[in-house]
PDB file of N, CA and C in Angstrom:
ATOM      1  N   MET A   1       0.860  -1.178   0.000  1.00  0.00           N
ATOM      2  CA  MET A   1       0.000   0.000   0.000  1.00  0.00           C
ATOM      3  C   MET A   1       0.907   1.243   0.000  1.00  0.00           C
ATOM      4  N   SER A   2       0.640   2.147  -0.898  1.00  0.00           N
ATOM      5  CA  SER A   2       1.433   3.375  -0.991  1.00  0.00           C
ATOM      6  C   SER A   2       1.063   4.324   0.145  1.00  0.00           C
ATOM      7  N   PRO A   3       1.936   5.285   0.438  1.00  0.00           N
ATOM      8  CA  PRO A   3       1.605   6.267   1.488  1.00  0.00           C
ATOM      9  C   PRO A   3       0.302   7.020   1.196  1.00  0.00           C
ATOM     10  N   ILE A   4       0.064   7.338  -0.062  1.00  0.00           N
ATOM     11  CA  ILE A   4      -1.175   8.044  -0.429  1.00  0.00           C
ATOM     12  C   ILE A   4      -2.389   7.179  -0.136  1.00  0.00           C
ATOM     13  N   GLU A   5      -2.323   5.907  -0.507  1.00  0.00           N
ATOM     14  CA  GLU A   5      -3.446   4.997  -0.247  1.00  0.00           C
ATOM     15  C   GLU A   5      -3.673   4.817   1.253  1.00  0.00           C
ATOM     16  N   LYS A   6      -2.595   4.769   2.013  1.00  0.00           N
ATOM     17  CA  LYS A   6      -2.710   4.605   3.465  1.00  0.00           C
ATOM     18  C   LYS A   6      -3.435   5.796   4.082  1.00  0.00           C
ATOM     19  N   ILE A   7      -3.039   7.005   3.694  1.00  0.00           N
ATOM     20  CA  ILE A   7      -3.684   8.197   4.251  1.00  0.00           C
ATOM     21  C   ILE A   7      -5.134   8.281   3.786  1.00  0.00           C
ATOM     22  N   GLU A   8      -5.390   7.978   2.522  1.00  0.00           N
ATOM     23  CA  GLU A   8      -6.774   7.998   2.027  1.00  0.00           C
ATOM     24  C   GLU A   8      -7.644   7.023   2.812  1.00  0.00           C
ATOM     25  N   SER A   9      -7.076   5.900   3.221  1.00  0.00           N
ATOM     26  CA  SER A   9      -7.862   4.915   3.985  1.00  0.00           C
ATOM     27  C   SER A   9      -8.205   5.428   5.380  1.00  0.00           C
ATOM     28  N   GLU A  10      -7.447   6.403   5.883  1.00  0.00           N
ATOM     29  CA  GLU A  10      -7.689   6.970   7.206  1.00  0.00           C
ATOM     30  C   GLU A  10      -8.668   8.152   7.184  1.00  0.00           C
ATOM     31  N   LEU A  11      -8.925   8.705   6.014  1.00  0.00           N
ATOM     32  CA  LEU A  11      -9.822   9.860   5.933  1.00  0.00           C
ATOM     33  C   LEU A  11     -11.268   9.440   6.157  1.00  0.00           C
ATOM     34  N   ASP A  12     -11.995  10.252   6.866  1.00  0.00           N
ATOM     35  CA  ASP A  12     -13.404   9.998   7.171  1.00  0.00           C
ATOM     36  C   ASP A  12     -14.268  10.674   6.102  1.00  0.00           C
ATOM     37  N   PHE A  13     -14.569   9.927   5.044  1.00  0.00           N
ATOM     38  CA  PHE A  13     -15.341  10.496   3.945  1.00  0.00           C
ATOM     39  C   PHE A  13     -16.814  10.666   4.294  1.00  0.00           C
ATOM     40  N   LEU A  14     -17.247  10.148   5.441  1.00  0.00           N
ATOM     41  CA  LEU A  14     -18.617  10.380   5.891  1.00  0.00           C
ATOM     42  C   LEU A  14     -18.767  11.778   6.491  1.00  0.00           C
ATOM     43  N   ASP A  15     -17.640  12.372   6.865  1.00  0.00           N
ATOM     44  CA  ASP A  15     -17.631  13.748   7.355  1.00  0.00           C
ATOM     45  C   ASP A  15     -17.691  14.667   6.135  1.00  0.00           C
ATOM     46  N   TYR A  16     -18.773  15.432   6.027  1.00  0.00           N
ATOM     47  CA  TYR A  16     -19.001  16.265   4.856  1.00  0.00           C
ATOM     48  C   TYR A  16     -17.837  17.218   4.592  1.00  0.00           C
ATOM     49  N   GLU A  17     -17.314  17.825   5.642  1.00  0.00           N
ATOM     50  CA  GLU A  17     -16.231  18.795   5.477  1.00  0.00           C
ATOM     51  C   GLU A  17     -14.952  18.142   4.940  1.00  0.00           C
ATOM     52  N   ILE A  18     -14.611  16.982   5.475  1.00  0.00           N
ATOM     53  CA  ILE A  18     -13.424  16.251   5.020  1.00  0.00           C
ATOM     54  C   ILE A  18     -13.629  15.793   3.582  1.00  0.00           C
ATOM     55  N   HIS A  19     -14.801  15.264   3.301  1.00  0.00           N
ATOM     56  CA  HIS A  19     -15.114  14.814   1.941  1.00  0.00           C
ATOM     57  C   HIS A  19     -15.015  15.974   0.950  1.00  0.00           C
ATOM     58  N   THR A  20     -15.527  17.139   1.329  1.00  0.00           N
ATOM     59  CA  THR A  20     -15.480  18.321   0.475  1.00  0.00           C
ATOM     60  C   THR A  20     -14.045  18.779   0.250  1.00  0.00           C
ATOM     61  N   LEU A  21     -13.238  18.781   1.293  1.00  0.00           N
ATOM     62  CA  LEU A  21     -11.826  19.167   1.147  1.00  0.00           C
ATOM     63  C   LEU A  21     -11.116  18.227   0.174  1.00  0.00           C
ATOM     64  N   TYR A  22     -11.371  16.954   0.329  1.00  0.00           N
ATOM     65  CA  TYR A  22     -10.744  15.958  -0.544  1.00  0.00           C
ATOM     66  C   TYR A  22     -11.193  16.140  -1.993  1.00  0.00           C
ATOM     67  N   ARG A  23     -12.476  16.333  -2.191  1.00  0.00           N
ATOM     68  CA  ARG A  23     -13.017  16.485  -3.549  1.00  0.00           C
ATOM     69  C   ARG A  23     -12.630  17.818  -4.181  1.00  0.00           C
ATOM     70  N   SER A  24     -12.230  18.784  -3.381  1.00  0.00           N
ATOM     71  CA  SER A  24     -11.894  20.099  -3.918  1.00  0.00           C
ATOM     72  C   SER A  24     -10.560  20.085  -4.663  1.00  0.00           C
ATOM     73  N   TRP A  25      -9.772  19.054  -4.452  1.00  0.00           N
ATOM     74  CA  TRP A  25      -8.511  18.938  -5.180  1.00  0.00           C
ATOM     75  C   TRP A  25      -8.828  18.608  -6.631  1.00  0.00           C
ATOM     76  N   ASP A  26      -7.972  18.983  -7.515  1.00  0.00           N
ATOM     77  CA  ASP A  26      -8.153  18.771  -8.953  1.00  0.00           C
ATOM     78  C   ASP A  26      -8.351  17.290  -9.265  1.00  0.00           C
ATOM     79  N   LYS A  27      -9.560  16.939  -9.646  1.00  0.00           N
ATOM     80  CA  LYS A  27      -9.913  15.567 -10.032  1.00  0.00           C
ATOM     81  C   LYS A  27      -9.534  14.551  -8.958  1.00  0.00           C
ATOM     82  N   VAL A  28      -9.624  14.952  -7.714  1.00  0.00           N
ATOM     83  CA  VAL A  28      -9.335  14.098  -6.561  1.00  0.00           C
ATOM     84  C   VAL A  28      -7.926  13.513  -6.674  1.00  0.00           C
ATOM     85  N   ASP A  29      -7.006  14.304  -7.142  1.00  0.00           N
ATOM     86  CA  ASP A  29      -5.624  13.867  -7.284  1.00  0.00           C
ATOM     87  C   ASP A  29      -4.768  14.643  -6.296  1.00  0.00           C
ATOM     88  N   CYS A  30      -4.904  14.317  -5.017  1.00  0.00           N
ATOM     89  CA  CYS A  30      -4.181  15.022  -3.962  1.00  0.00           C
ATOM     90  C   CYS A  30      -2.716  14.604  -3.957  1.00  0.00           C
ATOM     91  N   SER A  31      -1.868  15.555  -3.694  1.00  0.00           N
ATOM     92  CA  SER A  31      -0.469  15.231  -3.445  1.00  0.00           C
ATOM     93  C   SER A  31      -0.387  14.638  -2.045  1.00  0.00           C
ATOM     94  N   LEU A  32       0.726  14.033  -1.743  1.00  0.00           N
ATOM     95  CA  LEU A  32       0.919  13.473  -0.407  1.00  0.00           C
ATOM     96  C   LEU A  32       0.816  14.566   0.643  1.00  0.00           C
ATOM     97  N   VAL A  33       1.404  15.732   0.367  1.00  0.00           N
ATOM     98  CA  VAL A  33       1.340  16.850   1.305  1.00  0.00           C
ATOM     99  C   VAL A  33      -0.106  17.304   1.495  1.00  0.00           C
ATOM    100  N   GLY A  34      -0.859  17.395   0.419  1.00  0.00           N
ATOM    101  CA  GLY A  34      -2.259  17.796   0.503  1.00  0.00           C
ATOM    102  C   GLY A  34      -3.071  16.831   1.341  1.00  0.00           C
ATOM    103  N   LEU A  35      -2.839  15.546   1.158  1.00  0.00           N
ATOM    104  CA  LEU A  35      -3.555  14.539   1.943  1.00  0.00           C
ATOM    105  C   LEU A  35      -3.186  14.627   3.418  1.00  0.00           C
ATOM    106  N   VAL A  36      -1.926  14.861   3.696  1.00  0.00           N
ATOM    107  CA  VAL A  36      -1.488  14.989   5.086  1.00  0.00           C
ATOM    108  C   VAL A  36      -2.155  16.201   5.726  1.00  0.00           C
ATOM    109  N   GLU A  37      -2.278  17.302   4.987  1.00  0.00           N
ATOM    110  CA  GLU A  37      -2.943  18.484   5.526  1.00  0.00           C
ATOM    111  C   GLU A  37      -4.407  18.193   5.841  1.00  0.00           C
ATOM    112  N   ILE A  38      -5.087  17.492   4.946  1.00  0.00           N
ATOM    113  CA  ILE A  38      -6.493  17.140   5.194  1.00  0.00           C
ATOM    114  C   ILE A  38      -6.593  16.211   6.396  1.00  0.00           C
ATOM    115  N   TYR A  39      -5.696  15.239   6.488  1.00  0.00           N
ATOM    116  CA  TYR A  39      -5.720  14.309   7.614  1.00  0.00           C
ATOM    117  C   TYR A  39      -5.431  15.025   8.934  1.00  0.00           C
ATOM    118  N   LEU A  40      -4.477  15.936   8.914  1.00  0.00           N
ATOM    119  CA  LEU A  40      -4.178  16.723  10.118  1.00  0.00           C
ATOM    120  C   LEU A  40      -5.398  17.534  10.537  1.00  0.00           C
ATOM    121  N   TYR A  41      -6.061  18.156   9.581  1.00  0.00           N
ATOM    122  CA  TYR A  41      -7.267  18.926   9.865  1.00  0.00           C
ATOM    123  C   TYR A  41      -8.322  18.018  10.506  1.00  0.00           C
ATOM    124  N   GLN A  42      -8.477  16.812   9.950  1.00  0.00           N
ATOM    125  CA  GLN A  42      -9.440  15.851  10.495  1.00  0.00           C
ATOM    126  C   GLN A  42      -9.072  15.471  11.931  1.00  0.00           C
ATOM    127  N   CYS A  43      -7.800  15.230  12.197  1.00  0.00           N
ATOM    128  CA  CYS A  43      -7.346  14.853  13.543  1.00  0.00           C
ATOM    129  C   CYS A  43      -7.592  15.977  14.545  1.00  0.00           C
ATOM    130  N   ILE A  44      -7.305  17.208  14.147  1.00  0.00           N
ATOM    131  CA  ILE A  44      -7.530  18.352  15.036  1.00  0.00           C
ATOM    132  C   ILE A  44      -9.019  18.510  15.315  1.00  0.00           C
ATOM    133  N   LYS A  45      -9.832  18.374  14.275  1.00  0.00           N
ATOM    134  CA  LYS A  45     -11.289  18.495  14.427  1.00  0.00           C
ATOM    135  C   LYS A  45     -11.815  17.428  15.402  1.00  0.00           C
ATOM    136  N   LYS A  46     -11.355  16.198  15.253  1.00  0.00           N
ATOM    137  CA  LYS A  46     -11.776  15.108  16.129  1.00  0.00           C
ATOM    138  C   LYS A  46     -11.307  15.357  17.560  1.00  0.00           C
ATOM    139  N   HIS A  47     -10.063  15.794  17.706  1.00  0.00           N
ATOM    140  CA  HIS A  47      -9.498  16.088  19.021  1.00  0.00           C
ATOM    141  C   HIS A  47     -10.304  17.183  19.723  1.00  0.00           C
ATOM    142  N   LYS A  48     -10.707  18.177  18.960  1.00  0.00           N
ATOM    143  CA  LYS A  48     -11.490  19.293  19.519  1.00  0.00           C
ATOM    144  C   LYS A  48     -12.833  18.789  20.049  1.00  0.00           C
ATOM    145  N   VAL A  49     -13.475  17.914  19.304  1.00  0.00           N
ATOM    146  CA  VAL A  49     -14.769  17.359  19.725  1.00  0.00           C
ATOM    147  C   VAL A  49     -14.601  16.475  20.961  1.00  0.00           C
ATOM    148  N   GLU A  50     -13.578  15.640  20.945  1.00  0.00           N
ATOM    149  CA  GLU A  50     -13.374  14.694  22.046  1.00  0.00           C
ATOM    150  C   GLU A  50     -12.960  15.367  23.350  1.00  0.00           C
ATOM    151  N   ASN A  51     -12.263  16.493  23.268  1.00  0.00           N
ATOM    152  CA  ASN A  51     -11.721  17.116  24.473  1.00  0.00           C
ATOM    153  C   ASN A  51     -12.493  18.333  24.954  1.00  0.00           C
ATOM    154  N   GLY A  52     -13.445  18.787  24.167  1.00  0.00           N
ATOM    155  CA  GLY A  52     -14.313  19.876  24.594  1.00  0.00           C
ATOM    156  C   GLY A  52     -13.587  21.034  25.238  1.00  0.00           C
ATOM    157  N   ILE A  53     -13.940  21.328  26.487  1.00  0.00           N
ATOM    158  CA  ILE A  53     -13.365  22.489  27.168  1.00  0.00           C
ATOM    159  C   ILE A  53     -11.875  22.312  27.462  1.00  0.00           C
ATOM    160  N   TYR A  54     -11.391  21.084  27.387  1.00  0.00           N
ATOM    161  CA  TYR A  54      -9.973  20.828  27.633  1.00  0.00           C
ATOM    162  C   TYR A  54      -9.151  20.869  26.344  1.00  0.00           C
ATOM    163  N   TYR A  55      -9.777  21.249  25.255  1.00  0.00           N
ATOM    164  CA  TYR A  55      -9.106  21.334  23.967  1.00  0.00           C
ATOM    165  C   TYR A  55      -7.980  22.363  24.015  1.00  0.00           C
ATOM    166  N   ASP A  56      -6.824  21.986  23.519  1.00  0.00           N
ATOM    167  CA  ASP A  56      -5.665  22.883  23.487  1.00  0.00           C
ATOM    168  C   ASP A  56      -5.815  23.832  22.295  1.00  0.00           C
ATOM    169  N   THR A  57      -6.119  25.080  22.573  1.00  0.00           N
ATOM    170  CA  THR A  57      -6.385  26.040  21.491  1.00  0.00           C
ATOM    171  C   THR A  57      -5.141  26.383  20.681  1.00  0.00           C
ATOM    172  N   ASP A  58      -3.979  25.917  21.098  1.00  0.00           N
ATOM    173  CA  ASP A  58      -2.775  26.131  20.286  1.00  0.00           C
ATOM    174  C   ASP A  58      -2.939  25.507  18.900  1.00  0.00           C
ATOM    175  N   TYR A  59      -3.739  24.447  18.808  1.00  0.00           N
ATOM    176  CA  TYR A  59      -3.969  23.812  17.508  1.00  0.00           C
ATOM    177  C   TYR A  59      -4.681  24.760  16.533  1.00  0.00           C
ATOM    178  N   ASP A  60      -5.429  25.704  17.065  1.00  0.00           N
ATOM    179  CA  ASP A  60      -6.131  26.653  16.203  1.00  0.00           C
ATOM    180  C   ASP A  60      -5.161  27.589  15.486  1.00  0.00           C
ATOM    181  N   ASN A  61      -3.936  27.661  15.974  1.00  0.00           N
ATOM    182  CA  ASN A  61      -2.939  28.551  15.376  1.00  0.00           C
ATOM    183  C   ASN A  61      -2.177  27.899  14.219  1.00  0.00           C
ATOM    184  N   ILE A  62      -2.431  26.614  13.973  1.00  0.00           N
ATOM    185  CA  ILE A  62      -1.783  25.930  12.853  1.00  0.00           C
ATOM    186  C   ILE A  62      -2.429  26.439  11.563  1.00  0.00           C
ATOM    187  N   LYS A  63      -1.633  26.941  10.683  1.00  0.00           N
ATOM    188  CA  LYS A  63      -2.144  27.492   9.426  1.00  0.00           C
ATOM    189  C   LYS A  63      -2.035  26.440   8.328  1.00  0.00           C
ATOM    190  N   LEU A  64      -3.170  25.900   7.931  1.00  0.00           N
ATOM    191  CA  LEU A  64      -3.214  24.924   6.861  1.00  0.00           C
ATOM    192  C   LEU A  64      -3.697  25.580   5.586  1.00  0.00           C
ATOM    193  N   ARG A  65      -3.338  25.019   4.470  1.00  0.00           N
ATOM    194  CA  ARG A  65      -3.810  25.554   3.191  1.00  0.00           C
ATOM    195  C   ARG A  65      -5.268  25.224   2.937  1.00  0.00           C
ATOM    196  N   VAL A  66      -5.769  24.163   3.592  1.00  0.00           N
ATOM    197  CA  VAL A  66      -7.129  23.711   3.329  1.00  0.00           C
ATOM    198  C   VAL A  66      -8.133  24.514   4.029  1.00  0.00           C
TER     199      VAL A  66
END
């Protein structure tokens, strides 16, 4: 399995926002860096939901292209 396929398998395509970010790439041909950015965004989003008031807001300062 290639690194791109591995990251794609980890993306939550049932999440509308993640699915939209993925589909927004040209013909769904994400670079490895682009996929990592989407995956990082997904991880931060999940972490924020799971930790609620204990969420580390430093993650909000990460500037992603997506």
